Protein backbone atom coordinates (compact mmCIF):
# COMPACT_ATOMS: atom_id res chain seq x y z
CA UNK A 1 26.83 -157.12 -9.09
CA UNK A 2 29.66 -159.26 -10.77
CA UNK A 3 29.81 -160.32 -14.10
CA UNK A 4 31.62 -163.51 -13.49
CA UNK A 5 31.86 -165.78 -10.79
CA UNK A 6 35.18 -167.86 -10.72
CA UNK A 7 35.32 -171.44 -9.37
CA UNK A 8 37.26 -170.34 -6.30
CA UNK A 9 34.41 -167.89 -5.65
CA UNK A 10 36.17 -164.93 -6.72
CA UNK A 11 33.68 -162.17 -8.34
CA UNK A 12 35.04 -160.22 -11.38
CA UNK A 13 33.17 -157.09 -12.55
CA UNK A 14 34.52 -156.38 -16.04
CA UNK A 15 35.67 -152.76 -16.82
CA UNK A 16 35.34 -152.21 -20.53
CA UNK A 17 36.32 -148.50 -19.59
CA UNK A 18 39.76 -149.98 -19.31
CA UNK A 19 40.35 -150.90 -23.15
CA UNK A 20 39.78 -149.14 -26.13
CA UNK A 21 37.95 -149.80 -29.44
CA UNK A 22 41.38 -150.42 -31.35
CA UNK A 23 42.19 -152.97 -28.65
CA UNK A 24 38.58 -154.55 -28.86
CA UNK A 25 39.07 -154.93 -32.59
CA UNK A 26 42.52 -156.49 -32.26
CA UNK A 27 41.06 -158.70 -29.89
CA UNK A 28 38.41 -160.24 -32.27
CA UNK A 29 41.22 -161.08 -35.12
CA UNK A 30 41.87 -164.53 -34.71
CA UNK A 31 46.07 -163.52 -35.53
CA UNK A 32 46.16 -161.80 -32.40
CA UNK A 33 49.19 -162.35 -30.38
CA UNK A 34 48.05 -164.41 -26.95
CA UNK A 35 50.51 -161.71 -25.00
CA UNK A 36 48.47 -158.92 -26.02
CA UNK A 37 45.01 -160.98 -25.36
CA UNK A 38 46.27 -161.62 -21.81
CA UNK A 39 46.77 -157.75 -21.36
CA UNK A 40 43.82 -156.91 -22.27
CA UNK A 41 42.14 -159.41 -20.29
CA UNK A 42 43.81 -158.44 -17.24
CA UNK A 43 42.88 -154.63 -17.74
CA UNK A 44 39.25 -155.43 -17.91
CA UNK A 45 39.09 -158.18 -15.28
CA UNK A 46 41.50 -157.00 -12.97
CA UNK A 47 42.95 -160.43 -12.70
CA UNK A 48 46.82 -160.90 -12.57
CA UNK A 49 47.70 -162.74 -15.22
CA UNK A 50 50.89 -164.21 -13.84
CA UNK A 51 48.80 -165.35 -11.16
CA UNK A 52 46.62 -166.92 -13.14
CA UNK A 53 49.56 -169.31 -14.58
CA UNK A 54 50.79 -169.82 -11.16
CA UNK A 55 47.67 -171.05 -9.93
CA UNK A 56 46.88 -173.27 -12.81
CA UNK A 57 43.77 -171.81 -14.03
CA UNK A 58 42.31 -174.36 -16.20
CA UNK A 59 41.56 -173.68 -19.83
CA UNK A 60 37.70 -174.41 -19.20
CA UNK A 61 37.66 -171.55 -16.80
CA UNK A 62 39.70 -168.89 -18.87
CA UNK A 63 37.50 -169.75 -21.74
CA UNK A 64 34.32 -169.09 -19.54
CA UNK A 65 35.68 -165.85 -18.73
CA UNK A 66 36.76 -164.66 -21.81
CA UNK A 67 33.70 -165.99 -23.59
CA UNK A 68 31.55 -163.83 -20.36
CA UNK A 69 33.76 -160.79 -21.22
CA UNK A 70 32.89 -160.92 -25.06
CA UNK A 71 29.68 -161.23 -24.36
CA UNK A 72 29.62 -158.20 -22.19
CA UNK A 73 31.87 -156.04 -24.85
CA UNK A 74 28.95 -157.41 -27.45
CA UNK A 75 26.39 -156.36 -25.69
CA UNK A 76 26.92 -153.10 -23.34
CA UNK A 77 23.60 -151.72 -23.50
CA UNK A 78 22.10 -155.15 -21.50
CA UNK A 79 24.10 -153.48 -18.52
CA UNK A 80 21.34 -150.99 -17.06
CA UNK A 81 24.49 -148.55 -15.93
């Protein structure tokens, strides 16, 4: 079951085993560099950041993906697996 469905219909399942606890801690830091944020999101979602930029992903969709990802990381036990 997908964790997020993009506006183009693509489904994303977040793979939390792709990032470390340290990366998660850094991601929560407001001073964290945007490139590293993109790298982490790419790891967890499987999305190609360059493709996201080229296809002009809207800020709203990016924020929704980010919010859903953070919610899943913050509440991993809600996943029955």
